[in-house]
């Protein structure tokens, strides 16, 4: 599967030109589910080696508008991984304690260990997305250089983009593979999914009035995503913009990208030293001898 069309490494992302739906993507549903199952198995196999080796870590970042399918994406794609080496972190509105630290402080606390796969369901990008649409949030952080809303300007966000680029480069140098996915859903598809949450009793719990209020800022969020992706996409840490009106096809694309990127790592089970092999032989003999008592 060729995923180059979804990969962005520079300043060429235009959100209005990025598709939210792939024609005929639902016609091969049985084949799509079969391939996802294969990808899930390959991710599991790679995770086992990565966990044993403990040299590399994988950080998967999901960003999207509400109802784009982040939760179900995580459920399906990572259904085969060993929970011992897997962690999901959600980042919502910062607490008062978090606001007393730098904005990446709470992020560092949730980083996966090397050898593990970590998923950020929303991430540090909220600090250049939600805060760009609602700059008043920045005032609550009590930053020394911010005195009023006019200080939350393009220069302020340019500095944050730089922070993020440098942070991701730092993680890469320390053995992390950072994969960033923007699940790109259309406004009409979001409307239909919100209606389903209201009209289907089993989905009522998913509905939040806050989601409807944020929908009023759709255009502002689209602009914020376009700016953030263009400012932080690089060859080392690209963005993947995934058409997500069809949930199963979006899962296929993401699982395929994840599989290929993880399998690029030089993963292997640790080689046993002569001393360790001797200890294994001794332990084996002790266990065999138990039967002779």
Protein backbone atom coordinates (compact mmCIF):
# COMPACT_ATOMS: atom_id res chain seq x y z
CA UNK A 1 0.00 0.00 0.00
CA UNK A 2 1.44 3.37 -1.06
CA UNK A 3 1.03 5.91 1.75
CA UNK A 4 3.26 8.69 0.39
CA UNK A 5 0.24 10.81 -0.51
CA UNK A 6 -0.66 11.09 3.18
CA UNK A 7 2.86 12.05 4.35
CA UNK A 8 3.91 15.67 4.84
CA UNK A 9 7.47 16.73 5.58
CA UNK A 10 7.49 20.45 4.77
CA UNK A 11 5.35 23.51 4.26
CA UNK A 12 3.14 22.16 1.49
CA UNK A 13 0.07 21.08 3.46
CA UNK A 14 -3.21 22.72 2.45
CA UNK A 15 -6.05 21.38 4.53
CA UNK A 16 -8.79 22.21 2.00
CA UNK A 17 -7.02 20.09 -0.61
CA UNK A 18 -6.48 17.09 1.67
CA UNK A 19 -9.17 14.44 1.13
CA UNK A 20 -11.39 13.26 3.98
CA UNK A 21 -12.70 10.32 1.95
CA UNK A 22 -11.14 7.92 -0.54
CA UNK A 23 -13.44 6.90 -3.38
CA UNK A 24 -14.54 3.26 -3.27
CA UNK A 25 -12.76 2.76 0.06
CA UNK A 26 -15.75 0.88 1.47
CA UNK A 27 -16.16 -1.55 -1.44
CA UNK A 28 -13.51 -3.95 -0.14
CA UNK A 29 -14.52 -4.02 3.53
CA UNK A 30 -13.79 -7.74 3.98
CA UNK A 31 -10.32 -7.39 2.45
CA UNK A 32 -9.65 -4.22 4.47
CA UNK A 33 -10.50 -5.95 7.77
CA UNK A 34 -8.35 -8.93 6.79
CA UNK A 35 -5.34 -6.71 6.08
CA UNK A 36 -5.81 -4.76 9.32
CA UNK A 37 -5.78 -8.09 11.19
CA UNK A 38 -2.46 -8.97 9.52
CA UNK A 39 -1.02 -5.56 10.40
CA UNK A 40 -2.12 -5.94 14.03
CA UNK A 41 -0.26 -9.25 14.18
CA UNK A 42 2.90 -7.72 12.72
CA UNK A 43 2.77 -4.85 15.20
CA UNK A 44 2.47 -7.41 18.02
CA UNK A 45 5.47 -9.36 16.75
CA UNK A 46 7.59 -6.22 16.44
CA UNK A 47 6.51 -5.05 19.90
CA UNK A 48 7.70 -8.29 21.49
CA UNK A 49 11.21 -7.78 20.09
CA UNK A 50 11.20 -4.10 20.98
CA UNK A 51 10.13 -4.86 24.57
CA UNK A 52 12.88 -7.46 24.94
CA UNK A 53 15.54 -5.21 23.39
CA UNK A 54 14.55 -1.99 25.25
CA UNK A 55 16.53 0.28 22.93
CA UNK A 56 13.70 1.91 21.01
CA UNK A 57 10.35 3.35 21.96
CA UNK A 58 7.40 4.28 19.76
CA UNK A 59 5.25 7.33 20.40
CA UNK A 60 2.05 7.56 18.37
CA UNK A 61 0.29 10.92 18.39
CA UNK A 62 -3.36 11.20 17.34
CA UNK A 63 -4.91 14.60 16.72
CA UNK A 64 -8.33 15.22 15.24
CA UNK A 65 -11.54 17.14 15.42
CA UNK A 66 -14.16 15.67 17.74
CA UNK A 67 -15.83 12.43 16.52
CA UNK A 68 -13.05 11.67 14.03
CA UNK A 69 -12.58 8.18 15.47
CA UNK A 70 -9.45 8.39 17.63
CA UNK A 71 -10.73 6.07 20.37
CA UNK A 72 -11.95 3.34 18.03
CA UNK A 73 -8.74 3.68 16.00
CA UNK A 74 -6.64 2.97 19.09
CA UNK A 75 -8.90 0.07 20.11
CA UNK A 76 -8.60 -1.69 16.75
CA UNK A 77 -4.99 -0.98 15.77
CA UNK A 78 -3.47 -1.93 19.11
CA UNK A 79 -5.78 -4.81 19.97
CA UNK A 80 -2.93 -7.30 19.61
CA UNK A 81 -0.21 -5.62 21.63
CA UNK A 82 0.91 -6.84 25.04
CA UNK A 83 -0.56 -4.40 27.60
CA UNK A 84 2.63 -4.71 29.68
CA UNK A 85 4.48 -2.76 26.99
CA UNK A 86 1.67 -0.43 25.97
CA UNK A 87 0.32 2.82 27.37
CA UNK A 88 -2.34 5.35 26.33
CA UNK A 89 -2.37 8.90 27.68
CA UNK A 90 -5.17 11.44 27.22
CA UNK A 91 -4.52 15.15 27.51
CA UNK A 92 -7.44 17.34 28.36
CA UNK A 93 -7.64 20.85 29.82
CA UNK A 94 -4.57 21.43 32.03
CA UNK A 95 -5.09 21.24 35.77
CA UNK A 96 -4.03 24.06 38.08
CA UNK A 97 -0.96 22.03 39.03
CA UNK A 98 -0.02 21.44 35.38
CA UNK A 99 -0.39 25.15 34.63
CA UNK A 100 2.28 25.88 37.23
CA UNK A 101 4.81 23.97 35.11
CA UNK A 102 6.01 24.37 31.55
CA UNK A 103 3.51 23.02 29.04
CA UNK A 104 5.64 19.99 28.17
CA UNK A 105 5.99 18.92 31.80
CA UNK A 106 2.84 16.81 31.79
CA UNK A 107 3.89 15.32 28.45
CA UNK A 108 7.23 14.04 29.76
CA UNK A 109 5.48 12.33 32.64
CA UNK A 110 3.49 10.20 30.17
CA UNK A 111 6.26 9.24 27.75
CA UNK A 112 6.47 5.47 27.18
CA UNK A 113 9.56 3.66 28.37
CA UNK A 114 11.99 2.60 25.69
CA UNK A 115 10.86 -0.84 24.65
CA UNK A 116 7.22 0.22 24.84
CA UNK A 117 4.58 1.69 22.55
CA UNK A 118 2.89 4.82 23.83
CA UNK A 119 -0.18 6.54 22.39
CA UNK A 120 -1.11 10.16 22.97
CA UNK A 121 -4.84 10.61 22.43
CA UNK A 122 -4.46 14.34 21.85
CA UNK A 123 -1.07 15.66 22.85
CA UNK A 124 1.24 18.62 23.27
CA UNK A 125 -0.22 19.84 19.97
CA UNK A 126 -3.28 20.95 21.92
CA UNK A 127 -1.07 23.84 23.05
CA UNK A 128 -0.87 25.16 19.49
CA UNK A 129 -4.38 24.13 18.41
CA UNK A 130 -6.99 24.74 21.12
CA UNK A 131 -4.94 27.60 22.53
CA UNK A 132 -4.70 29.15 19.07
CA UNK A 133 -8.47 29.09 18.68
CA UNK A 134 -8.97 30.16 22.31
CA UNK A 135 -5.92 32.30 23.14
CA UNK A 136 -7.45 33.28 26.49
CA UNK A 137 -6.28 29.85 27.72
CA UNK A 138 -2.69 31.08 27.56
CA UNK A 139 -3.48 33.83 30.06
CA UNK A 140 -4.22 31.15 32.67
CA UNK A 141 -0.66 29.82 32.38
CA UNK A 142 0.70 32.96 34.02
CA UNK A 143 3.65 33.17 31.63
CA UNK A 144 6.05 36.04 32.35
CA UNK A 145 5.96 37.45 28.82
CA UNK A 146 2.17 37.27 28.43
CA UNK A 147 0.24 40.21 29.85
CA UNK A 148 -2.79 40.37 27.56
CA UNK A 149 -4.34 38.64 24.56
CA UNK A 150 -2.33 40.80 22.16
CA UNK A 151 0.79 39.03 23.42
CA UNK A 152 -0.60 35.67 22.26
CA UNK A 153 0.41 36.42 18.68
CA UNK A 154 2.11 34.77 15.72
CA UNK A 155 5.53 35.18 17.32
CA UNK A 156 4.32 33.37 20.44
CA UNK A 157 3.13 30.37 18.44
CA UNK A 158 6.22 30.41 16.23
CA UNK A 159 8.24 29.86 19.40
CA UNK A 160 5.98 27.00 20.43
CA UNK A 161 6.35 25.37 17.03
CA UNK A 162 10.10 25.60 17.50
CA UNK A 163 9.77 24.04 20.97
CA UNK A 164 7.86 21.13 19.48
CA UNK A 165 10.28 20.56 16.60
CA UNK A 166 13.22 20.53 18.99
CA UNK A 167 11.38 18.30 21.46
CA UNK A 168 10.60 15.73 18.78
CA UNK A 169 14.19 15.83 17.52
CA UNK A 170 15.33 15.25 21.10
CA UNK A 171 13.07 12.21 21.38
CA UNK A 172 14.35 10.84 18.07
CA UNK A 173 17.97 11.16 19.19
CA UNK A 174 17.06 9.22 22.33
CA UNK A 175 15.66 6.20 20.56
CA UNK A 176 12.02 7.16 20.00
CA UNK A 177 10.08 6.87 16.78
CA UNK A 178 7.49 9.66 16.76
CA UNK A 179 4.51 9.07 14.45
CA UNK A 180 1.95 11.85 14.16
CA UNK A 181 -1.49 11.24 12.68
CA UNK A 182 -4.14 13.85 11.94
CA UNK A 183 -7.45 12.06 11.38
CA UNK A 184 -9.01 14.38 8.83
CA UNK A 185 -12.79 14.26 8.94
CA UNK A 186 -15.25 16.45 7.03
CA UNK A 187 -17.65 18.82 8.73
CA UNK A 188 -20.64 16.91 7.32
CA UNK A 189 -19.32 13.58 8.57
CA UNK A 190 -18.80 15.06 12.02
CA UNK A 191 -22.40 16.33 11.95
CA UNK A 192 -23.69 12.84 11.11
CA UNK A 193 -21.64 11.25 13.90
CA UNK A 194 -22.89 13.81 16.43
CA UNK A 195 -26.46 13.07 15.35
CA UNK A 196 -25.81 9.34 15.79
CA UNK A 197 -24.61 9.98 19.32
CA UNK A 198 -27.85 11.82 20.07
CA UNK A 199 -30.24 9.46 18.26
CA UNK A 200 -28.70 6.16 19.40
CA UNK A 201 -29.31 5.48 23.12
CA UNK A 202 -26.19 3.30 23.41
CA UNK A 203 -24.10 6.22 22.14
CA UNK A 204 -25.67 8.96 24.28
CA UNK A 205 -22.83 8.75 26.77
CA UNK A 206 -20.40 9.87 24.05
CA UNK A 207 -22.25 13.12 23.45
CA UNK A 208 -20.98 16.33 24.97
CA UNK A 209 -22.58 19.75 24.59
CA UNK A 210 -19.05 21.17 24.58
CA UNK A 211 -18.40 19.38 21.28
CA UNK A 212 -21.26 21.27 19.66
CA UNK A 213 -19.96 24.56 21.02
CA UNK A 214 -16.51 23.88 19.61
CA UNK A 215 -18.03 23.01 16.23
CA UNK A 216 -18.81 26.70 15.84
CA UNK A 217 -15.06 27.27 15.56
CA UNK A 218 -14.60 24.73 12.76
CA UNK A 219 -12.87 27.11 10.34
CA UNK A 220 -10.54 28.44 13.02
CA UNK A 221 -9.51 24.89 13.95
CA UNK A 222 -8.88 24.02 10.31
CA UNK A 223 -6.55 27.00 10.03
CA UNK A 224 -4.82 26.08 13.30
CA UNK A 225 -4.22 22.50 12.09
CA UNK A 226 -2.85 23.69 8.76
CA UNK A 227 -0.42 26.06 10.46
CA UNK A 228 0.70 23.54 13.07
CA UNK A 229 1.28 20.75 10.56
CA UNK A 230 3.23 22.98 8.20
CA UNK A 231 5.37 24.32 11.04
CA UNK A 232 6.22 20.95 12.61
CA UNK A 233 6.35 18.45 9.73
CA UNK A 234 9.87 17.33 8.88
CA UNK A 235 11.67 14.49 7.14
CA UNK A 236 12.63 13.03 10.52
CA UNK A 237 9.20 13.54 12.09
CA UNK A 238 6.56 13.84 9.35
CA UNK A 239 2.84 14.30 9.74
CA UNK A 240 0.39 11.80 8.26
CA UNK A 241 -2.96 13.30 7.28
CA UNK A 242 -5.45 10.43 7.14
CA UNK A 243 -8.82 10.65 5.31
CA UNK A 244 -11.18 9.58 8.07
CA UNK A 245 -14.77 9.82 6.87
CA UNK A 246 -14.54 6.03 6.41
CA UNK A 247 -13.33 4.64 9.74
CA UNK A 248 -12.26 1.23 8.45
CA UNK A 249 -10.19 2.66 5.62
CA UNK A 250 -8.52 5.13 7.99
CA UNK A 251 -7.63 2.20 10.27
CA UNK A 252 -6.12 0.38 7.30
CA UNK A 253 -3.90 3.34 6.38
CA UNK A 254 -2.74 3.99 9.94
CA UNK A 255 -2.05 0.32 10.68
CA UNK A 256 -0.08 0.01 7.45
CA UNK A 257 2.05 3.07 8.23
CA UNK A 258 2.67 1.93 11.81
CA UNK A 259 3.66 -1.55 10.70
CA UNK A 260 6.12 -0.35 8.08
CA UNK A 261 7.72 2.28 10.31
CA UNK A 262 8.16 -0.03 13.31
CA UNK A 263 9.57 -2.80 11.12
CA UNK A 264 12.24 -0.39 9.84
CA UNK A 265 13.84 -0.49 13.29
CA UNK A 266 16.75 -2.93 13.74
CA UNK A 267 14.77 -5.04 16.19
CA UNK A 268 15.95 -8.39 17.50
CA UNK A 269 15.86 -10.45 20.65
CA UNK A 270 18.90 -9.82 22.86
CA UNK A 271 21.91 -12.07 22.22
CA UNK A 272 22.85 -14.19 25.22
CA UNK A 273 26.42 -13.89 26.51
CA UNK A 274 28.45 -17.04 27.25
CA UNK A 275 27.90 -16.42 30.97
CA UNK A 276 24.14 -16.13 30.49
CA UNK A 277 24.09 -19.30 28.40
CA UNK A 278 25.95 -21.05 31.19
CA UNK A 279 23.40 -19.83 33.73
CA UNK A 280 20.58 -21.12 31.52
CA UNK A 281 22.23 -24.53 31.22
CA UNK A 282 22.72 -24.66 34.99
CA UNK A 283 19.11 -23.67 35.65
CA UNK A 284 17.90 -26.27 33.16
CA UNK A 285 19.89 -28.99 34.83
CA UNK A 286 18.55 -28.01 38.26
CA UNK A 287 14.98 -28.28 36.96
CA UNK A 288 15.67 -31.69 35.39
CA UNK A 289 17.25 -32.94 38.59
CA UNK A 290 14.06 -32.14 40.52
CA UNK A 291 12.39 -35.13 38.82
CA UNK A 292 15.08 -37.45 40.18
CA UNK A 293 14.47 -36.65 43.83
